[in-house]
Amino acid sequence: MIVLEEWYTVGELAEKTGIAEPTLRRYITKFHPYFVSKGGNRAKKYKGTAIPILVRIKALYDAGYETAGLADVIRREFPVIINDNKHSETEESQSAAVLATTEDVTELKKVLTEVNQKLAKQEEFNALLIQKLEDQNRFIKKALENPSPLFLEKKTDEEEAAKPAKESKKGFWNRFFK
């Protein structure tokens, strides 16, 4: 199933967010790195991801934040959109890489710590396994160099038991003519 991205004009964003159009334009101008847009000046549309950003900006201003402090909060909560500037004004602006938020970085650090712990346990297990294999290898070499007398006796018993079996395997006519 293909999900179409929704794009909104400034007027549509004003209706969805309840923020006046001039105020929206000011927010978009001050915090432009957080918005993906397409189209020209009059027909410019913004991706649906703009709505939560605009609502958060308004809430922070309403809470008494200054622009500098608000910018720090927005930077931590939303990814910056990097434009490659290869598109003309009338073409859709594609977002290049999206930078990770501090929450993303924290989650990545947590995952890497877990992976490192598991890797350390695996290395410890591998070292023990290699030690056991080396011990077994030494034991087998020693057994082959100095075979035990019980092993030799059993081997000779098996060889003697196999001799009559070889004779009985002679063909039908060989039994009559020796």
N, C-alpha and C. Protein backbone atom coordinates (compact mmCIF):
# COMPACT_ATOMS: atom_id res chain seq x y z
N MET A 1 0.84 -1.17 0.00
CA MET A 1 0.00 0.00 0.00
C MET A 1 0.88 1.24 0.00
N ILE A 2 0.64 2.14 -0.91
CA ILE A 2 1.42 3.36 -1.03
C ILE A 2 0.75 4.46 -0.20
N VAL A 3 1.55 5.05 0.65
CA VAL A 3 1.05 6.15 1.47
C VAL A 3 1.54 7.45 0.85
N LEU A 4 0.61 8.31 0.48
CA LEU A 4 0.97 9.59 -0.12
C LEU A 4 1.28 10.60 0.98
N GLU A 5 2.33 11.36 0.75
CA GLU A 5 2.68 12.40 1.71
C GLU A 5 1.73 13.57 1.54
N GLU A 6 1.37 14.18 2.63
CA GLU A 6 0.47 15.32 2.56
C GLU A 6 1.28 16.60 2.59
N TRP A 7 0.89 17.53 1.73
CA TRP A 7 1.53 18.84 1.63
C TRP A 7 0.48 19.91 1.88
N TYR A 8 0.87 20.96 2.60
CA TYR A 8 -0.08 22.00 2.99
C TYR A 8 0.46 23.38 2.64
N THR A 9 -0.45 24.25 2.25
CA THR A 9 -0.10 25.67 2.06
C THR A 9 -0.08 26.32 3.45
N VAL A 10 0.39 27.55 3.51
CA VAL A 10 0.43 28.26 4.79
C VAL A 10 -0.99 28.43 5.33
N GLY A 11 -1.95 28.68 4.45
CA GLY A 11 -3.34 28.83 4.87
C GLY A 11 -3.88 27.53 5.48
N GLU A 12 -3.56 26.42 4.85
CA GLU A 12 -4.01 25.13 5.38
C GLU A 12 -3.34 24.82 6.71
N LEU A 13 -2.06 25.16 6.82
CA LEU A 13 -1.36 24.97 8.10
C LEU A 13 -1.98 25.82 9.19
N ALA A 14 -2.39 27.03 8.83
CA ALA A 14 -3.03 27.93 9.81
C ALA A 14 -4.33 27.31 10.30
N GLU A 15 -5.11 26.72 9.40
CA GLU A 15 -6.36 26.07 9.80
C GLU A 15 -6.09 24.87 10.70
N LYS A 16 -5.11 24.07 10.35
CA LYS A 16 -4.83 22.84 11.12
C LYS A 16 -4.23 23.14 12.49
N THR A 17 -3.43 24.20 12.60
CA THR A 17 -2.74 24.47 13.86
C THR A 17 -3.42 25.53 14.71
N GLY A 18 -4.27 26.35 14.10
CA GLY A 18 -4.92 27.43 14.84
C GLY A 18 -3.99 28.62 15.07
N ILE A 19 -2.93 28.72 14.26
CA ILE A 19 -1.97 29.82 14.37
C ILE A 19 -2.21 30.75 13.18
N ALA A 20 -2.15 32.04 13.39
CA ALA A 20 -2.38 33.02 12.33
C ALA A 20 -1.31 32.88 11.24
N GLU A 21 -1.71 33.18 9.99
CA GLU A 21 -0.80 33.02 8.85
C GLU A 21 0.47 33.85 8.99
N PRO A 22 0.40 35.13 9.36
CA PRO A 22 1.65 35.89 9.49
C PRO A 22 2.59 35.29 10.54
N THR A 23 2.00 34.79 11.62
CA THR A 23 2.82 34.15 12.67
C THR A 23 3.46 32.88 12.13
N LEU A 24 2.70 32.10 11.37
CA LEU A 24 3.26 30.88 10.77
C LEU A 24 4.42 31.21 9.85
N ARG A 25 4.23 32.24 9.03
CA ARG A 25 5.31 32.64 8.11
C ARG A 25 6.56 33.04 8.89
N ARG A 26 6.38 33.75 10.00
CA ARG A 26 7.52 34.15 10.84
C ARG A 26 8.22 32.92 11.42
N TYR A 27 7.43 31.96 11.93
CA TYR A 27 8.02 30.72 12.48
C TYR A 27 8.80 29.97 11.41
N ILE A 28 8.19 29.85 10.24
CA ILE A 28 8.84 29.11 9.15
C ILE A 28 10.13 29.80 8.72
N THR A 29 10.12 31.13 8.69
CA THR A 29 11.32 31.88 8.31
C THR A 29 12.42 31.72 9.36
N LYS A 30 12.07 31.84 10.64
CA LYS A 30 13.08 31.74 11.70
C LYS A 30 13.63 30.32 11.86
N PHE A 31 12.78 29.32 11.63
CA PHE A 31 13.17 27.93 11.87
C PHE A 31 13.12 27.11 10.58
N HIS A 32 13.51 27.72 9.46
CA HIS A 32 13.41 27.08 8.15
C HIS A 32 14.14 25.74 8.03
N PRO A 33 15.24 25.48 8.77
CA PRO A 33 15.91 24.18 8.61
C PRO A 33 15.06 22.98 9.04
N TYR A 34 13.95 23.21 9.70
CA TYR A 34 13.13 22.11 10.20
C TYR A 34 11.93 21.79 9.30
N PHE A 35 11.81 22.50 8.17
CA PHE A 35 10.65 22.34 7.30
C PHE A 35 11.06 21.88 5.91
N VAL A 36 10.30 20.94 5.36
CA VAL A 36 10.49 20.48 3.98
C VAL A 36 9.41 21.16 3.16
N SER A 37 9.82 21.79 2.06
CA SER A 37 8.85 22.50 1.24
C SER A 37 9.03 22.15 -0.22
N LYS A 38 8.00 22.48 -1.00
CA LYS A 38 8.07 22.33 -2.45
C LYS A 38 7.29 23.47 -3.08
N GLY A 39 7.62 23.77 -4.32
CA GLY A 39 6.90 24.81 -5.02
C GLY A 39 7.57 26.16 -4.91
N GLY A 40 6.99 27.16 -5.60
CA GLY A 40 7.54 28.51 -5.60
C GLY A 40 7.04 29.32 -4.42
N ASN A 41 7.28 30.63 -4.47
CA ASN A 41 6.93 31.52 -3.36
C ASN A 41 5.43 31.51 -3.06
N ARG A 42 4.61 31.76 -4.07
CA ARG A 42 3.16 31.84 -3.85
C ARG A 42 2.54 30.45 -3.68
N ALA A 43 3.07 29.48 -4.39
CA ALA A 43 2.47 28.14 -4.37
C ALA A 43 3.24 27.18 -3.46
N LYS A 44 4.02 27.74 -2.55
CA LYS A 44 4.86 26.91 -1.69
C LYS A 44 3.98 26.09 -0.75
N LYS A 45 4.32 24.79 -0.66
CA LYS A 45 3.62 23.88 0.25
C LYS A 45 4.64 23.24 1.17
N TYR A 46 4.15 22.89 2.36
CA TYR A 46 5.02 22.30 3.37
C TYR A 46 4.53 20.91 3.71
N LYS A 47 5.49 20.04 3.96
CA LYS A 47 5.18 18.65 4.30
C LYS A 47 4.41 18.59 5.62
N GLY A 48 3.62 17.54 5.80
CA GLY A 48 2.79 17.38 6.99
C GLY A 48 3.58 17.33 8.29
N THR A 49 4.87 17.04 8.21
CA THR A 49 5.71 17.02 9.42
C THR A 49 5.87 18.41 10.03
N ALA A 50 5.45 19.45 9.28
CA ALA A 50 5.57 20.82 9.79
C ALA A 50 4.58 21.09 10.92
N ILE A 51 3.45 20.38 10.93
CA ILE A 51 2.40 20.67 11.91
C ILE A 51 2.88 20.51 13.35
N PRO A 52 3.44 19.35 13.73
CA PRO A 52 3.89 19.24 15.13
C PRO A 52 4.99 20.23 15.50
N ILE A 53 5.83 20.58 14.54
CA ILE A 53 6.91 21.54 14.82
C ILE A 53 6.31 22.92 15.10
N LEU A 54 5.36 23.33 14.26
CA LEU A 54 4.74 24.65 14.44
C LEU A 54 3.97 24.71 15.76
N VAL A 55 3.26 23.66 16.08
CA VAL A 55 2.50 23.63 17.34
C VAL A 55 3.46 23.72 18.53
N ARG A 56 4.60 23.02 18.45
CA ARG A 56 5.57 23.05 19.54
C ARG A 56 6.20 24.45 19.68
N ILE A 57 6.51 25.08 18.55
CA ILE A 57 7.08 26.43 18.59
C ILE A 57 6.11 27.39 19.27
N LYS A 58 4.84 27.33 18.88
CA LYS A 58 3.82 28.21 19.49
C LYS A 58 3.72 27.94 20.99
N ALA A 59 3.71 26.67 21.39
CA ALA A 59 3.60 26.33 22.81
C ALA A 59 4.79 26.87 23.60
N LEU A 60 5.97 26.81 23.02
CA LEU A 60 7.17 27.31 23.71
C LEU A 60 7.14 28.83 23.83
N TYR A 61 6.72 29.52 22.75
CA TYR A 61 6.58 30.98 22.84
C TYR A 61 5.54 31.35 23.89
N ASP A 62 4.42 30.61 23.90
CA ASP A 62 3.37 30.88 24.89
C ASP A 62 3.85 30.63 26.32
N ALA A 63 4.80 29.70 26.47
CA ALA A 63 5.35 29.40 27.80
C ALA A 63 6.40 30.43 28.23
N GLY A 64 6.71 31.41 27.36
CA GLY A 64 7.63 32.47 27.75
C GLY A 64 9.06 32.31 27.24
N TYR A 65 9.32 31.35 26.38
CA TYR A 65 10.66 31.16 25.85
C TYR A 65 11.04 32.29 24.91
N GLU A 66 12.31 32.67 24.94
CA GLU A 66 12.88 33.59 23.95
C GLU A 66 13.29 32.76 22.74
N THR A 67 13.54 33.42 21.63
CA THR A 67 13.86 32.71 20.39
C THR A 67 15.11 31.83 20.54
N ALA A 68 16.15 32.33 21.21
CA ALA A 68 17.39 31.56 21.37
C ALA A 68 17.15 30.29 22.18
N GLY A 69 16.45 30.42 23.30
CA GLY A 69 16.15 29.24 24.13
C GLY A 69 15.22 28.28 23.41
N LEU A 70 14.27 28.83 22.68
CA LEU A 70 13.34 28.01 21.92
C LEU A 70 14.08 27.22 20.84
N ALA A 71 15.05 27.86 20.19
CA ALA A 71 15.83 27.19 19.15
C ALA A 71 16.57 25.99 19.71
N ASP A 72 17.10 26.10 20.94
CA ASP A 72 17.79 24.97 21.56
C ASP A 72 16.84 23.81 21.80
N VAL A 73 15.64 24.10 22.28
CA VAL A 73 14.65 23.05 22.54
C VAL A 73 14.25 22.37 21.23
N ILE A 74 13.96 23.16 20.21
CA ILE A 74 13.55 22.61 18.91
C ILE A 74 14.67 21.76 18.32
N ARG A 75 15.90 22.21 18.47
CA ARG A 75 17.06 21.47 17.94
C ARG A 75 17.15 20.08 18.58
N ARG A 76 16.83 19.98 19.86
CA ARG A 76 16.89 18.69 20.56
C ARG A 76 15.72 17.77 20.19
N GLU A 77 14.58 18.36 19.85
CA GLU A 77 13.37 17.57 19.65
C GLU A 77 13.08 17.19 18.20
N PHE A 78 13.58 17.97 17.25
CA PHE A 78 13.25 17.73 15.84
C PHE A 78 14.51 17.67 14.99
N PRO A 79 14.50 16.83 13.96
CA PRO A 79 15.68 16.76 13.08
C PRO A 79 15.76 17.96 12.14
N VAL A 80 16.97 18.36 11.83
CA VAL A 80 17.20 19.43 10.88
C VAL A 80 17.15 18.83 9.48
N ILE A 81 16.53 19.51 8.55
CA ILE A 81 16.44 19.05 7.18
C ILE A 81 17.56 19.70 6.38
N ILE A 82 18.36 18.89 5.71
CA ILE A 82 19.47 19.42 4.91
C ILE A 82 19.05 19.36 3.45
N ASN A 83 19.05 20.51 2.80
CA ASN A 83 18.69 20.60 1.39
C ASN A 83 19.95 20.58 0.55
N ASP A 84 19.94 19.87 -0.57
CA ASP A 84 21.12 19.83 -1.43
C ASP A 84 21.17 20.99 -2.42
N ASN A 85 20.10 21.82 -2.49
CA ASN A 85 20.04 23.01 -3.34
C ASN A 85 20.26 22.72 -4.82
N LYS A 86 19.99 21.52 -5.27
CA LYS A 86 20.14 21.17 -6.68
C LYS A 86 18.82 21.35 -7.43
N HIS A 87 17.74 21.60 -6.74
CA HIS A 87 16.44 21.74 -7.36
C HIS A 87 16.11 23.21 -7.54
N SER A 88 15.34 23.49 -8.60
CA SER A 88 14.91 24.86 -8.81
C SER A 88 13.79 25.18 -7.84
N GLU A 89 13.39 26.42 -7.77
CA GLU A 89 12.36 26.86 -6.84
C GLU A 89 11.02 26.18 -7.11
N THR A 90 10.75 25.81 -8.38
CA THR A 90 9.45 25.23 -8.70
C THR A 90 9.42 23.72 -8.48
N GLU A 91 10.58 23.10 -8.36
CA GLU A 91 10.61 21.66 -8.14
C GLU A 91 10.47 21.35 -6.66
N GLU A 92 10.05 20.13 -6.39
CA GLU A 92 9.90 19.68 -5.00
C GLU A 92 11.27 19.58 -4.35
N SER A 93 11.42 20.19 -3.19
CA SER A 93 12.67 20.10 -2.46
C SER A 93 12.71 18.77 -1.74
N GLN A 94 13.73 18.01 -2.03
CA GLN A 94 13.89 16.71 -1.39
C GLN A 94 14.81 16.88 -0.20
N SER A 95 14.46 16.23 0.88
CA SER A 95 15.34 16.31 2.04
C SER A 95 16.44 15.29 1.85
N ALA A 96 17.64 15.72 2.12
CA ALA A 96 18.78 14.81 2.07
C ALA A 96 18.80 14.07 3.39
N ALA A 97 19.95 13.91 3.95
CA ALA A 97 20.04 13.20 5.22
C ALA A 97 19.36 13.99 6.33
N VAL A 98 18.70 13.29 7.20
CA VAL A 98 18.07 13.91 8.36
C VAL A 98 18.98 13.65 9.55
N LEU A 99 19.35 14.69 10.25
CA LEU A 99 20.23 14.54 11.39
C LEU A 99 19.48 13.92 12.56
N ALA A 100 20.17 13.17 13.36
CA ALA A 100 19.56 12.50 14.49
C ALA A 100 19.32 13.46 15.64
N THR A 101 18.25 13.21 16.39
CA THR A 101 17.98 14.01 17.57
C THR A 101 18.76 13.43 18.75
N THR A 102 18.77 14.13 19.86
CA THR A 102 19.51 13.64 21.03
C THR A 102 18.91 12.33 21.53
N GLU A 103 17.59 12.16 21.38
CA GLU A 103 16.98 10.90 21.79
C GLU A 103 17.48 9.76 20.93
N ASP A 104 17.64 10.01 19.61
CA ASP A 104 18.18 8.99 18.71
C ASP A 104 19.59 8.61 19.11
N VAL A 105 20.40 9.62 19.42
CA VAL A 105 21.79 9.37 19.81
C VAL A 105 21.84 8.58 21.12
N THR A 106 20.98 8.92 22.07
CA THR A 106 20.92 8.20 23.34
C THR A 106 20.55 6.75 23.10
N GLU A 107 19.57 6.51 22.26
CA GLU A 107 19.15 5.14 21.95
C GLU A 107 20.27 4.37 21.26
N LEU A 108 20.99 5.02 20.35
CA LEU A 108 22.11 4.37 19.68
C LEU A 108 23.21 4.00 20.67
N LYS A 109 23.49 4.90 21.61
CA LYS A 109 24.52 4.61 22.63
C LYS A 109 24.11 3.41 23.46
N LYS A 110 22.83 3.34 23.82
CA LYS A 110 22.33 2.22 24.62
C LYS A 110 22.49 0.91 23.86
N VAL A 111 22.12 0.91 22.60
CA VAL A 111 22.22 -0.30 21.78
C VAL A 111 23.68 -0.71 21.62
N LEU A 112 24.56 0.26 21.37
CA LEU A 112 25.98 -0.05 21.21
C LEU A 112 26.58 -0.62 22.50
N THR A 113 26.16 -0.11 23.64
CA THR A 113 26.63 -0.64 24.92
C THR A 113 26.21 -2.10 25.08
N GLU A 114 24.95 -2.40 24.73
CA GLU A 114 24.47 -3.77 24.82
C GLU A 114 25.23 -4.68 23.87
N VAL A 115 25.49 -4.22 22.66
CA VAL A 115 26.22 -5.01 21.68
C VAL A 115 27.64 -5.27 22.18
N ASN A 116 28.28 -4.26 22.75
CA ASN A 116 29.64 -4.44 23.28
C ASN A 116 29.67 -5.45 24.42
N GLN A 117 28.66 -5.42 25.29
CA GLN A 117 28.60 -6.39 26.38
C GLN A 117 28.44 -7.81 25.84
N LYS A 118 27.57 -7.97 24.87
CA LYS A 118 27.38 -9.30 24.28
C LYS A 118 28.63 -9.76 23.55
N LEU A 119 29.32 -8.84 22.90
CA LEU A 119 30.55 -9.18 22.20
C LEU A 119 31.62 -9.64 23.19
N ALA A 120 31.71 -8.99 24.33
CA ALA A 120 32.69 -9.38 25.35
C ALA A 120 32.39 -10.79 25.87
N LYS A 121 31.10 -11.08 26.10
CA LYS A 121 30.72 -12.43 26.54
C LYS A 121 31.05 -13.47 25.48
N GLN A 122 30.82 -13.13 24.21
CA GLN A 122 31.11 -14.06 23.12
C GLN A 122 32.61 -14.31 23.02
N GLU A 123 33.42 -13.27 23.19
CA GLU A 123 34.87 -13.44 23.14
C GLU A 123 35.35 -14.33 24.28
N GLU A 124 34.77 -14.18 25.46
CA GLU A 124 35.11 -15.02 26.60
C GLU A 124 34.75 -16.48 26.32
N PHE A 125 33.57 -16.70 25.77
CA PHE A 125 33.14 -18.06 25.42
C PHE A 125 34.06 -18.65 24.36
N ASN A 126 34.44 -17.87 23.36
CA ASN A 126 35.33 -18.35 22.31
C ASN A 126 36.69 -18.76 22.88
N ALA A 127 37.20 -17.98 23.82
CA ALA A 127 38.49 -18.31 24.43
C ALA A 127 38.41 -19.64 25.18
N LEU A 128 37.32 -19.84 25.93
CA LEU A 128 37.15 -21.12 26.64
C LEU A 128 37.02 -22.28 25.66
N LEU A 129 36.29 -22.08 24.59
CA LEU A 129 36.11 -23.12 23.59
C LEU A 129 37.43 -23.48 22.92
N ILE A 130 38.23 -22.49 22.60
CA ILE A 130 39.54 -22.74 21.99
C ILE A 130 40.44 -23.51 22.96
N GLN A 131 40.39 -23.15 24.24
CA GLN A 131 41.18 -23.86 25.25
C GLN A 131 40.79 -25.33 25.32
N LYS A 132 39.48 -25.60 25.32
CA LYS A 132 39.01 -27.00 25.38
C LYS A 132 39.43 -27.76 24.13
N LEU A 133 39.34 -27.13 22.99
CA LEU A 133 39.76 -27.80 21.76
C LEU A 133 41.27 -28.11 21.76
N GLU A 134 42.06 -27.20 22.27
CA GLU A 134 43.50 -27.44 22.37
C GLU A 134 43.78 -28.59 23.34
N ASP A 135 43.05 -28.65 24.46
CA ASP A 135 43.22 -29.75 25.42
C ASP A 135 42.88 -31.08 24.77
N GLN A 136 41.79 -31.12 24.03
CA GLN A 136 41.39 -32.35 23.34
C GLN A 136 42.42 -32.75 22.29
N ASN A 137 42.94 -31.78 21.60
CA ASN A 137 43.95 -32.05 20.58
C ASN A 137 45.20 -32.66 21.21
N ARG A 138 45.66 -32.10 22.33
CA ARG A 138 46.82 -32.66 23.04
C ARG A 138 46.54 -34.09 23.52
N PHE A 139 45.35 -34.33 24.04
CA PHE A 139 44.98 -35.66 24.52
C PHE A 139 45.01 -36.68 23.38
N ILE A 140 44.46 -36.30 22.23
CA ILE A 140 44.43 -37.22 21.09
C ILE A 140 45.84 -37.50 20.59
N LYS A 141 46.69 -36.50 20.49
CA LYS A 141 48.07 -36.72 20.05
C LYS A 141 48.81 -37.64 21.02
N LYS A 142 48.61 -37.42 22.31
CA LYS A 142 49.27 -38.25 23.33
C LYS A 142 48.79 -39.69 23.22
N ALA A 143 47.48 -39.88 23.00
CA ALA A 143 46.92 -41.23 22.88
C ALA A 143 47.46 -41.93 21.64
N LEU A 144 47.67 -41.21 20.57
CA LEU A 144 48.20 -41.82 19.35
C LEU A 144 49.68 -42.15 19.47
N GLU A 145 50.44 -41.34 20.20
CA GLU A 145 51.86 -41.58 20.39
C GLU A 145 52.11 -42.74 21.36
N ASN A 146 51.33 -42.84 22.41
CA ASN A 146 51.50 -43.89 23.42
C ASN A 146 50.18 -44.66 23.58
N PRO A 147 49.90 -45.58 22.68
CA PRO A 147 48.62 -46.30 22.80
C PRO A 147 48.62 -47.17 24.06
N SER A 148 47.48 -47.27 24.67
CA SER A 148 47.39 -48.05 25.90
C SER A 148 47.42 -49.55 25.57
N PRO A 149 47.92 -50.41 26.50
CA PRO A 149 48.00 -51.86 26.25
C PRO A 149 46.60 -52.47 26.06
N LEU A 150 45.61 -51.97 26.73
CA LEU A 150 44.25 -52.49 26.57
C LEU A 150 43.76 -52.27 25.14
N PHE A 151 44.09 -51.13 24.60
CA PHE A 151 43.68 -50.83 23.23
C PHE A 151 44.35 -51.79 22.25
N LEU A 152 45.65 -52.12 22.49
CA LEU A 152 46.38 -53.03 21.60
C LEU A 152 45.79 -54.44 21.70
N GLU A 153 45.48 -54.92 22.92
CA GLU A 153 44.90 -56.25 23.09
C GLU A 153 43.57 -56.36 22.36
N LYS A 154 42.76 -55.39 22.50
CA LYS A 154 41.45 -55.42 21.85
C LYS A 154 41.62 -55.43 20.34
N LYS A 155 42.58 -54.69 19.83
CA LYS A 155 42.82 -54.62 18.40
C LYS A 155 43.24 -55.99 17.86
N THR A 156 44.15 -56.68 18.58
CA THR A 156 44.61 -58.00 18.11
C THR A 156 43.47 -59.01 18.17
N ASP A 157 42.61 -58.92 19.18
CA ASP A 157 41.44 -59.82 19.26
C ASP A 157 40.51 -59.60 18.07
N GLU A 158 40.32 -58.38 17.70
CA GLU A 158 39.46 -58.08 16.56
C GLU A 158 40.08 -58.58 15.27
N GLU A 159 41.42 -58.48 15.14
CA GLU A 159 42.09 -58.95 13.93
C GLU A 159 41.97 -60.47 13.80
N GLU A 160 42.14 -61.19 14.90
CA GLU A 160 42.03 -62.65 14.87
C GLU A 160 40.60 -63.09 14.57
N ALA A 161 39.65 -62.37 15.10
CA ALA A 161 38.25 -62.71 14.85
C ALA A 161 37.90 -62.45 13.39
N ALA A 162 38.57 -61.54 12.75
CA ALA A 162 38.28 -61.22 11.36
C ALA A 162 38.87 -62.23 10.39
N LYS A 163 39.92 -62.98 10.79
CA LYS A 163 40.58 -63.95 9.90
C LYS A 163 39.63 -65.05 9.45
N PRO A 164 38.94 -65.74 10.35
CA PRO A 164 38.05 -66.78 9.87
C PRO A 164 36.91 -66.22 9.00
N ALA A 165 36.55 -65.04 9.27
CA ALA A 165 35.48 -64.43 8.48
C ALA A 165 35.96 -64.24 7.05
N LYS A 166 37.24 -63.96 6.85
CA LYS A 166 37.78 -63.79 5.51
C LYS A 166 37.77 -65.12 4.77
N GLU A 167 38.09 -66.18 5.48
CA GLU A 167 38.10 -67.50 4.85
C GLU A 167 36.70 -67.93 4.47
N SER A 168 35.73 -67.62 5.30
CA SER A 168 34.36 -68.03 5.01
C SER A 168 33.77 -67.24 3.87
N LYS A 169 34.41 -66.17 3.50
CA LYS A 169 33.89 -65.36 2.42
C LYS A 169 34.32 -65.88 1.05
N LYS A 170 35.04 -67.02 0.99
CA LYS A 170 35.45 -67.58 -0.29
C LYS A 170 34.23 -68.02 -1.05
N GLY A 171 34.38 -68.04 -2.34
CA GLY A 171 33.27 -68.42 -3.20
C GLY A 171 32.82 -69.86 -3.00
N PHE A 172 31.71 -70.20 -3.58
CA PHE A 172 31.11 -71.53 -3.44
C PHE A 172 32.04 -72.62 -3.95
N TRP A 173 32.65 -72.48 -5.12
CA TRP A 173 33.50 -73.48 -5.73
C TRP A 173 34.86 -73.57 -5.04
N ASN A 174 35.33 -72.48 -4.43
CA ASN A 174 36.64 -72.50 -3.73
C ASN A 174 36.58 -73.40 -2.51
N ARG A 175 35.43 -73.63 -1.96
CA ARG A 175 35.35 -74.51 -0.79
C ARG A 175 35.65 -75.96 -1.18
N PHE A 176 35.32 -76.32 -2.38
CA PHE A 176 35.56 -77.70 -2.85
C PHE A 176 36.98 -77.91 -3.32
N PHE A 177 37.56 -76.90 -3.90
CA PHE A 177 38.91 -77.01 -4.47
C PHE A 177 39.87 -76.11 -3.70
N LYS A 178 40.70 -76.71 -2.87
CA LYS A 178 41.67 -75.92 -2.11
C LYS A 178 43.00 -75.96 -2.71
